[in-house]
Amino acid sequence: MDTPIATRQEDEGRDWPARWSVSVVAETGSTNADLLAWAARGAADRTVLVARHQTAGRGRLDRRWDAPAGANLLVSLLFREIPETPHVLTQRVGLAAIAACEEVAGVSPVLKWPNDLLLDGAKLAGVLAQAHLGPEPAVVVGIGLNVGWAPEGAACLSTAGPGTAIDPLDVLASMLHAYDALPADVWPQYRAHLGTLGKQVRVQLPDGEVEGRALDVEPDGRLMVVDDCGITHRFAVGDVVHVR
């Protein structure tokens, strides 16, 4: 279902941060897919679509991302101002989500390279970026964050925080404010919040895998891993498993 481009909404009396145009819908197939379609039709920078329920949400490697209606934050953000290295947008969204979790629920997740949020070692959120190419390019960054419900083995804010119910839209409002407060260069913050560093990891690739210790992350986003033979590998993409 391609949700029509909507005008700015002040959902439930909310005053969203300036420069962000937020639309809230009860249900759609995928907020990322909808925003990519909106991008092709000229949607503006910082257009945001949040759904109370998604019927066809997807994460990295086409994994299904689903949750009961109204339980979690399911949102996509459209960016026209694209940095030279587009992955910076996912870093910024991830850092803003961490700040929102700290403010709303009093918990401090860490990042797992390249685009997950972990809380006490369990997955709390996933971030997925997709590009719209054309005369007016855009990048859509989607995040699914477990607020009131999580599948088995994952984490959610409602069981991690002070025990009160949390509205996903409160998390979104905090996240947008936090995004605006980030500095121009977020690499030092990203590196500081990257829980992957120092861990033994397995990097899964389409043609095999590499296991070793995660040494560092470079300013261009590549993860540095040294294997058991002492060879250093640099990964721009890959699926990482924290072995220990």
C-alpha atoms as a PDB file:
ATOM      1  CA  MET A   1       0.000   0.000   0.000  1.00  0.00           C
ATOM      2  CA  ASP A   2       1.445   3.351  -1.050  1.00  0.00           C
ATOM      3  CA  THR A   3       0.260   5.871   1.515  1.00  0.00           C
ATOM      4  CA  PRO A   4      -0.520   9.220  -0.167  1.00  0.00           C
ATOM      5  CA  ILE A   5       1.716  12.168   0.633  1.00  0.00           C
ATOM      6  CA  ALA A   6       0.164  13.760   3.695  1.00  0.00           C
ATOM      7  CA  THR A   7       0.400  17.255   5.033  1.00  0.00           C
ATOM      8  CA  ARG A   8       2.158  18.023   8.298  1.00  0.00           C
ATOM      9  CA  GLN A   9       0.266  16.641  11.291  1.00  0.00           C
ATOM     10  CA  GLU A  10       0.316  17.712  14.932  1.00  0.00           C
ATOM     11  CA  ASP A  11      -0.673  14.241  16.094  1.00  0.00           C
ATOM     12  CA  GLU A  12      -2.474  14.199  19.447  1.00  0.00           C
ATOM     13  CA  GLY A  13      -1.513  17.820  20.088  1.00  0.00           C
ATOM     14  CA  ARG A  14       2.196  17.285  19.473  1.00  0.00           C
ATOM     15  CA  ASP A  15       4.362  20.117  18.266  1.00  0.00           C
ATOM     16  CA  TRP A  16       7.091  18.373  16.291  1.00  0.00           C
ATOM     17  CA  PRO A  17      10.516  20.024  16.026  1.00  0.00           C
ATOM     18  CA  ALA A  18      10.917  22.705  13.373  1.00  0.00           C
ATOM     19  CA  ARG A  19      11.999  21.576   9.895  1.00  0.00           C
ATOM     20  CA  TRP A  20      10.491  18.107  10.352  1.00  0.00           C
ATOM     21  CA  SER A  21       7.226  17.285   8.565  1.00  0.00           C
ATOM     22  CA  VAL A  22       5.712  14.324  10.403  1.00  0.00           C
ATOM     23  CA  SER A  23       2.803  12.200   9.192  1.00  0.00           C
ATOM     24  CA  VAL A  24       1.306   9.464  11.352  1.00  0.00           C
ATOM     25  CA  VAL A  25      -0.765   6.652   9.849  1.00  0.00           C
ATOM     26  CA  ALA A  26      -2.547   3.782  11.536  1.00  0.00           C
ATOM     27  CA  GLU A  27      -1.225   1.156   9.132  1.00  0.00           C
ATOM     28  CA  THR A  28       0.847   0.746   5.996  1.00  0.00           C
ATOM     29  CA  GLY A  29       2.907  -1.906   4.289  1.00  0.00           C
ATOM     30  CA  SER A  30       6.323  -0.328   4.789  1.00  0.00           C
ATOM     31  CA  THR A  31       7.192   3.228   5.789  1.00  0.00           C
ATOM     32  CA  ASN A  32      10.478   2.932   3.888  1.00  0.00           C
ATOM     33  CA  ALA A  33       8.706   1.844   0.700  1.00  0.00           C
ATOM     34  CA  ASP A  34       6.159   4.631   1.064  1.00  0.00           C
ATOM     35  CA  LEU A  35       8.794   7.321   1.570  1.00  0.00           C
ATOM     36  CA  LEU A  36      10.791   6.090  -1.420  1.00  0.00           C
ATOM     37  CA  ALA A  37       7.624   6.531  -3.483  1.00  0.00           C
ATOM     38  CA  TRP A  38       7.095   9.968  -1.940  1.00  0.00           C
ATOM     39  CA  ALA A  39      10.695  10.871  -2.802  1.00  0.00           C
ATOM     40  CA  ALA A  40      10.013  10.093  -6.453  1.00  0.00           C
ATOM     41  CA  ARG A  41       7.056  12.507  -6.270  1.00  0.00           C
ATOM     42  CA  GLY A  42       9.045  15.349  -4.757  1.00  0.00           C
ATOM     43  CA  ALA A  43       8.653  14.977  -0.985  1.00  0.00           C
ATOM     44  CA  ALA A  44      10.794  17.477   0.893  1.00  0.00           C
ATOM     45  CA  ASP A  45      13.883  17.011   3.009  1.00  0.00           C
ATOM     46  CA  ARG A  46      13.113  15.768   6.548  1.00  0.00           C
ATOM     47  CA  THR A  47       9.745  14.301   5.649  1.00  0.00           C
ATOM     48  CA  VAL A  48       8.880  11.667   8.265  1.00  0.00           C
ATOM     49  CA  LEU A  49       6.352   8.842   8.096  1.00  0.00           C
ATOM     50  CA  VAL A  50       5.487   6.858  11.209  1.00  0.00           C
ATOM     51  CA  ALA A  51       3.069   3.942  11.254  1.00  0.00           C
ATOM     52  CA  ARG A  52       1.311   2.471  14.240  1.00  0.00           C
ATOM     53  CA  HIS A  53       1.440  -0.853  12.387  1.00  0.00           C
ATOM     54  CA  GLN A  54       3.396  -2.226   9.425  1.00  0.00           C
ATOM     55  CA  THR A  55       2.290  -5.250   7.431  1.00  0.00           C
ATOM     56  CA  ALA A  56       5.384  -5.609   5.223  1.00  0.00           C
ATOM     57  CA  GLY A  57       8.248  -4.096   7.205  1.00  0.00           C
ATOM     58  CA  ARG A  58      11.721  -5.300   6.289  1.00  0.00           C
ATOM     59  CA  GLY A  59      15.165  -5.008   7.829  1.00  0.00           C
ATOM     60  CA  ARG A  60      18.635  -5.747   6.491  1.00  0.00           C
ATOM     61  CA  LEU A  61      18.998  -8.840   4.279  1.00  0.00           C
ATOM     62  CA  ASP A  62      15.224  -8.637   3.674  1.00  0.00           C
ATOM     63  CA  ARG A  63      14.446  -9.872   7.193  1.00  0.00           C
ATOM     64  CA  ARG A  64      10.863  -9.347   8.285  1.00  0.00           C
ATOM     65  CA  TRP A  65      10.291  -6.668  10.932  1.00  0.00           C
ATOM     66  CA  ASP A  66       6.885  -6.928  12.561  1.00  0.00           C
ATOM     67  CA  ALA A  67       5.205  -5.954  15.835  1.00  0.00           C
ATOM     68  CA  PRO A  68       1.706  -5.714  17.316  1.00  0.00           C
ATOM     69  CA  ALA A  69      -0.180  -2.579  16.297  1.00  0.00           C
ATOM     70  CA  GLY A  70       0.745   0.465  18.349  1.00  0.00           C
ATOM     71  CA  ALA A  71       3.479  -1.270  20.337  1.00  0.00           C
ATOM     72  CA  ASN A  72       6.705  -0.051  18.755  1.00  0.00           C
ATOM     73  CA  LEU A  73       8.255   2.868  16.901  1.00  0.00           C
ATOM     74  CA  LEU A  74       8.107   2.138  13.164  1.00  0.00           C
ATOM     75  CA  VAL A  75       9.306   5.212  11.318  1.00  0.00           C
ATOM     76  CA  SER A  76      11.205   6.375   8.248  1.00  0.00           C
ATOM     77  CA  LEU A  77      12.945   9.680   7.618  1.00  0.00           C
ATOM     78  CA  LEU A  78      13.605  11.162   4.185  1.00  0.00           C
ATOM     79  CA  PHE A  79      16.771  13.185   3.594  1.00  0.00           C
ATOM     80  CA  ARG A  80      17.536  15.332   0.570  1.00  0.00           C
ATOM     81  CA  GLU A  81      20.718  16.796   2.074  1.00  0.00           C
ATOM     82  CA  ILE A  82      22.972  13.788   1.545  1.00  0.00           C
ATOM     83  CA  PRO A  83      26.536  13.817   2.931  1.00  0.00           C
ATOM     84  CA  GLU A  84      29.499  12.690   0.850  1.00  0.00           C
ATOM     85  CA  THR A  85      29.401   9.373   2.721  1.00  0.00           C
ATOM     86  CA  PRO A  86      25.664   8.551   2.999  1.00  0.00           C
ATOM     87  CA  HIS A  87      26.178   6.006   5.807  1.00  0.00           C
ATOM     88  CA  VAL A  88      26.614   9.013   8.114  1.00  0.00           C
ATOM     89  CA  LEU A  89      22.824   9.398   8.014  1.00  0.00           C
ATOM     90  CA  THR A  90      22.334   5.959   9.601  1.00  0.00           C
ATOM     91  CA  GLN A  91      24.948   6.822  12.213  1.00  0.00           C
ATOM     92  CA  ARG A  92      23.127  10.047  13.045  1.00  0.00           C
ATOM     93  CA  VAL A  93      19.749   8.309  13.305  1.00  0.00           C
ATOM     94  CA  GLY A  94      21.262   5.613  15.525  1.00  0.00           C
ATOM     95  CA  LEU A  95      22.854   8.181  17.836  1.00  0.00           C
ATOM     96  CA  ALA A  96      19.625  10.169  18.006  1.00  0.00           C
ATOM     97  CA  ALA A  97      17.744   6.990  18.927  1.00  0.00           C
ATOM     98  CA  ILE A  98      20.214   6.303  21.743  1.00  0.00           C
ATOM     99  CA  ALA A  99      19.681   9.820  23.105  1.00  0.00           C
ATOM    100  CA  ALA A 100      15.901   9.340  22.929  1.00  0.00           C
ATOM    101  CA  CYS A 101      16.097   6.056  24.844  1.00  0.00           C
ATOM    102  CA  GLU A 102      18.165   7.768  27.523  1.00  0.00           C
ATOM    103  CA  GLU A 103      15.695  10.638  27.832  1.00  0.00           C
ATOM    104  CA  VAL A 104      12.422   8.718  27.633  1.00  0.00           C
ATOM    105  CA  ALA A 105      13.302   5.416  29.330  1.00  0.00           C
ATOM    106  CA  GLY A 106      16.504   6.114  31.273  1.00  0.00           C
ATOM    107  CA  VAL A 107      18.486   3.402  29.480  1.00  0.00           C
ATOM    108  CA  SER A 108      21.655   3.638  27.380  1.00  0.00           C
ATOM    109  CA  PRO A 109      21.805   1.255  24.412  1.00  0.00           C
ATOM    110  CA  VAL A 110      24.976   0.720  22.396  1.00  0.00           C
ATOM    111  CA  LEU A 111      25.433   0.398  18.654  1.00  0.00           C
ATOM    112  CA  LYS A 112      26.315  -2.846  16.917  1.00  0.00           C
ATOM    113  CA  TRP A 113      28.050  -2.248  13.609  1.00  0.00           C
ATOM    114  CA  PRO A 114      26.708  -1.208  11.257  1.00  0.00           C
ATOM    115  CA  ASN A 115      23.136  -0.380  12.209  1.00  0.00           C
ATOM    116  CA  ASP A 116      21.603  -2.109  15.248  1.00  0.00           C
ATOM    117  CA  LEU A 117      20.932  -0.867  18.767  1.00  0.00           C
ATOM    118  CA  LEU A 118      21.606  -3.327  21.578  1.00  0.00           C
ATOM    119  CA  LEU A 119      20.457  -3.167  25.177  1.00  0.00           C
ATOM    120  CA  ASP A 120      22.225  -5.554  27.566  1.00  0.00           C
ATOM    121  CA  GLY A 121      23.387  -7.518  24.529  1.00  0.00           C
ATOM    122  CA  ALA A 122      19.889  -7.968  23.071  1.00  0.00           C
ATOM    123  CA  LYS A 123      18.602  -6.259  19.940  1.00  0.00           C
ATOM    124  CA  LEU A 124      16.520  -3.173  20.661  1.00  0.00           C
ATOM    125  CA  ALA A 125      16.352  -1.568  17.208  1.00  0.00           C
ATOM    126  CA  GLY A 126      17.447  -1.912  13.620  1.00  0.00           C
ATOM    127  CA  VAL A 127      18.210   0.838  11.126  1.00  0.00           C
ATOM    128  CA  LEU A 128      17.913   0.444   7.344  1.00  0.00           C
ATOM    129  CA  ALA A 129      18.853   3.025   4.705  1.00  0.00           C
ATOM    130  CA  GLN A 130      17.658   2.935   1.101  1.00  0.00           C
ATOM    131  CA  ALA A 131      18.475   5.356  -1.703  1.00  0.00           C
ATOM    132  CA  HIS A 132      16.215   6.988  -4.254  1.00  0.00           C
ATOM    133  CA  LEU A 133      18.241   7.834  -7.361  1.00  0.00           C
ATOM    134  CA  GLY A 134      17.279  10.355  -9.971  1.00  0.00           C
ATOM    135  CA  PRO A 135      17.438  14.074 -10.713  1.00  0.00           C
ATOM    136  CA  GLU A 136      16.556  14.812  -7.074  1.00  0.00           C
ATOM    137  CA  PRO A 137      18.178  12.000  -5.074  1.00  0.00           C
ATOM    138  CA  ALA A 138      17.172  11.140  -1.542  1.00  0.00           C
ATOM    139  CA  VAL A 139      18.045   8.691   1.188  1.00  0.00           C
ATOM    140  CA  VAL A 140      15.348   7.127   3.338  1.00  0.00           C
ATOM    141  CA  VAL A 141      16.436   5.870   6.755  1.00  0.00           C
ATOM    142  CA  GLY A 142      14.010   3.612   8.561  1.00  0.00           C
ATOM    143  CA  ILE A 143      14.196   2.508  12.184  1.00  0.00           C
ATOM    144  CA  GLY A 144      12.167  -0.077  14.026  1.00  0.00           C
ATOM    145  CA  LEU A 145      12.602   0.321  17.784  1.00  0.00           C
ATOM    146  CA  ASN A 146      11.041  -2.025  20.325  1.00  0.00           C
ATOM    147  CA  VAL A 147       9.128   0.203  22.736  1.00  0.00           C
ATOM    148  CA  GLY A 148       6.300  -1.873  24.195  1.00  0.00           C
ATOM    149  CA  TRP A 149       6.937  -5.309  22.695  1.00  0.00           C
ATOM    150  CA  ALA A 150       9.867  -7.419  21.544  1.00  0.00           C
ATOM    151  CA  PRO A 151      10.207 -10.881  20.030  1.00  0.00           C
ATOM    152  CA  GLU A 152      11.836 -13.595  22.108  1.00  0.00           C
ATOM    153  CA  GLY A 153      15.482 -12.830  22.767  1.00  0.00           C
ATOM    154  CA  ALA A 154      15.184  -9.121  21.966  1.00  0.00           C
ATOM    155  CA  ALA A 155      14.896  -6.075  24.232  1.00  0.00           C
ATOM    156  CA  CYS A 156      12.258  -3.382  24.583  1.00  0.00           C
ATOM    157  CA  LEU A 157      12.030  -0.099  26.470  1.00  0.00           C
ATOM    158  CA  SER A 158       8.931  -0.925  28.506  1.00  0.00           C
ATOM    159  CA  THR A 159      10.724  -3.696  30.410  1.00  0.00           C
ATOM    160  CA  ALA A 160      14.022  -1.843  30.674  1.00  0.00           C
ATOM    161  CA  GLY A 161      12.877   1.524  31.959  1.00  0.00           C
ATOM    162  CA  PRO A 162      11.030   2.665  35.059  1.00  0.00           C
ATOM    163  CA  GLY A 163       8.034   0.451  34.307  1.00  0.00           C
ATOM    164  CA  THR A 164       5.605   3.046  32.967  1.00  0.00           C
ATOM    165  CA  ALA A 165       4.002   2.762  29.545  1.00  0.00           C
ATOM    166  CA  ILE A 166       5.888   4.599  26.811  1.00  0.00           C
ATOM    167  CA  ASP A 167       4.227   6.031  23.709  1.00  0.00           C
ATOM    168  CA  PRO A 168       6.357   5.383  20.606  1.00  0.00           C
ATOM    169  CA  LEU A 169       5.559   8.912  19.419  1.00  0.00           C
ATOM    170  CA  ASP A 170       7.224  10.300  22.549  1.00  0.00           C
ATOM    171  CA  VAL A 171      10.349   8.399  21.552  1.00  0.00           C
ATOM    172  CA  LEU A 172      10.123   9.826  18.026  1.00  0.00           C
ATOM    173  CA  ALA A 173       9.760  13.419  19.247  1.00  0.00           C
ATOM    174  CA  SER A 174      12.796  13.014  21.491  1.00  0.00           C
ATOM    175  CA  MET A 175      14.737  11.389  18.653  1.00  0.00           C
ATOM    176  CA  LEU A 176      14.067  14.252  16.233  1.00  0.00           C
ATOM    177  CA  HIS A 177      15.162  16.826  18.816  1.00  0.00           C
ATOM    178  CA  ALA A 178      18.297  14.782  19.500  1.00  0.00           C
ATOM    179  CA  TYR A 179      19.060  14.545  15.781  1.00  0.00           C
ATOM    180  CA  ASP A 180      18.955  18.326  15.518  1.00  0.00           C
ATOM    181  CA  ALA A 181      21.356  18.638  18.459  1.00  0.00           C
ATOM    182  CA  LEU A 182      24.051  16.411  16.947  1.00  0.00           C
ATOM    183  CA  PRO A 183      27.302  18.065  15.811  1.00  0.00           C
ATOM    184  CA  ALA A 184      28.307  18.233  12.159  1.00  0.00           C
ATOM    185  CA  ASP A 185      30.919  15.495  12.677  1.00  0.00           C
ATOM    186  CA  VAL A 186      29.357  12.550  14.512  1.00  0.00           C
ATOM    187  CA  TRP A 187      32.189  10.062  13.980  1.00  0.00           C
ATOM    188  CA  PRO A 188      33.701  10.530  17.478  1.00  0.00           C
ATOM    189  CA  GLN A 189      30.285   9.949  19.078  1.00  0.00           C
ATOM    190  CA  TYR A 190      29.544   7.003  16.804  1.00  0.00           C
ATOM    191  CA  ARG A 191      32.882   5.395  17.685  1.00  0.00           C
ATOM    192  CA  ALA A 192      32.329   6.014  21.400  1.00  0.00           C
ATOM    193  CA  HIS A 193      28.912   4.321  21.320  1.00  0.00           C
ATOM    194  CA  LEU A 194      29.964   1.385  19.119  1.00  0.00           C
ATOM    195  CA  GLY A 195      29.783  -1.683  21.361  1.00  0.00           C
ATOM    196  CA  THR A 196      31.280  -3.859  18.618  1.00  0.00           C
ATOM    197  CA  LEU A 197      34.796  -2.507  19.192  1.00  0.00           C
ATOM    198  CA  GLY A 198      37.073  -4.817  21.131  1.00  0.00           C
ATOM    199  CA  LYS A 199      34.774  -7.802  20.712  1.00  0.00           C
ATOM    200  CA  GLN A 200      35.412 -11.073  18.952  1.00  0.00           C
ATOM    201  CA  VAL A 201      33.131 -10.938  15.922  1.00  0.00           C
ATOM    202  CA  ARG A 202      32.070 -12.950  12.920  1.00  0.00           C
ATOM    203  CA  VAL A 203      31.505 -10.880   9.785  1.00  0.00           C
ATOM    204  CA  GLN A 204      29.173 -12.718   7.445  1.00  0.00           C
ATOM    205  CA  LEU A 205      29.513 -11.919   3.748  1.00  0.00           C
ATOM    206  CA  PRO A 206      27.771 -13.220   0.612  1.00  0.00           C
ATOM    207  CA  ASP A 207      30.865 -15.290  -0.274  1.00  0.00           C
ATOM    208  CA  GLY A 208      31.953 -16.436   3.201  1.00  0.00           C
ATOM    209  CA  GLU A 209      32.816 -15.082   6.612  1.00  0.00           C
ATOM    210  CA  VAL A 210      35.712 -13.652   8.591  1.00  0.00           C
ATOM    211  CA  GLU A 211      36.187 -14.059  12.330  1.00  0.00           C
ATOM    212  CA  GLY A 212      38.462 -11.903  14.439  1.00  0.00           C
ATOM    213  CA  ARG A 213      38.616  -9.010  16.853  1.00  0.00           C
ATOM    214  CA  ALA A 214      36.973  -5.702  15.966  1.00  0.00           C
ATOM    215  CA  LEU A 215      39.760  -3.130  16.250  1.00  0.00           C
ATOM    216  CA  ASP A 216      38.239   0.154  15.186  1.00  0.00           C
ATOM    217  CA  VAL A 217      35.868   1.940  12.849  1.00  0.00           C
ATOM    218  CA  GLU A 218      37.218   4.392  10.306  1.00  0.00           C
ATOM    219  CA  PRO A 219      35.707   7.824   9.565  1.00  0.00           C
ATOM    220  CA  ASP A 220      34.256   6.416   6.329  1.00  0.00           C
ATOM    221  CA  GLY A 221      32.347   3.827   8.379  1.00  0.00           C
ATOM    222  CA  ARG A 222      34.453   0.772   7.537  1.00  0.00           C
ATOM    223  CA  LEU A 223      34.939  -1.740  10.354  1.00  0.00           C
ATOM    224  CA  MET A 224      38.512  -2.916  10.970  1.00  0.00           C
ATOM    225  CA  VAL A 225      38.832  -6.566  12.047  1.00  0.00           C
ATOM    226  CA  VAL A 226      42.072  -8.453  12.689  1.00  0.00           C
ATOM    227  CA  ASP A 227      41.768 -12.216  12.170  1.00  0.00           C
ATOM    228  CA  ASP A 228      43.622 -15.004  13.981  1.00  0.00           C
ATOM    229  CA  CYS A 229      46.447 -14.814  11.444  1.00  0.00           C
ATOM    230  CA  GLY A 230      47.036 -11.158  12.219  1.00  0.00           C
ATOM    231  CA  ILE A 231      45.602  -9.929   8.916  1.00  0.00           C
ATOM    232  CA  THR A 232      43.544  -6.741   9.141  1.00  0.00           C
ATOM    233  CA  HIS A 233      40.342  -6.614   7.112  1.00  0.00           C
ATOM    234  CA  ARG A 234      38.215  -3.544   6.417  1.00  0.00           C
ATOM    235  CA  PHE A 235      34.506  -4.035   5.813  1.00  0.00           C
ATOM    236  CA  ALA A 236      32.163  -1.469   4.276  1.00  0.00           C
ATOM    237  CA  VAL A 237      29.212  -3.878   4.486  1.00  0.00           C
ATOM    238  CA  GLY A 238      28.535  -7.158   6.224  1.00  0.00           C
ATOM    239  CA  ASP A 239      26.418  -8.800   8.889  1.00  0.00           C
ATOM    240  CA  VAL A 240      28.199  -8.874  12.247  1.00  0.00           C
ATOM    241  CA  VAL A 241      27.700 -11.409  15.034  1.00  0.00           C
ATOM    242  CA  HIS A 242      29.219 -10.664  18.447  1.00  0.00           C
ATOM    243  CA  VAL A 243      30.856 -13.984  19.296  1.00  0.00           C
ATOM    244  CA  ARG A 244      31.939 -12.901  22.784  1.00  0.00           C
END
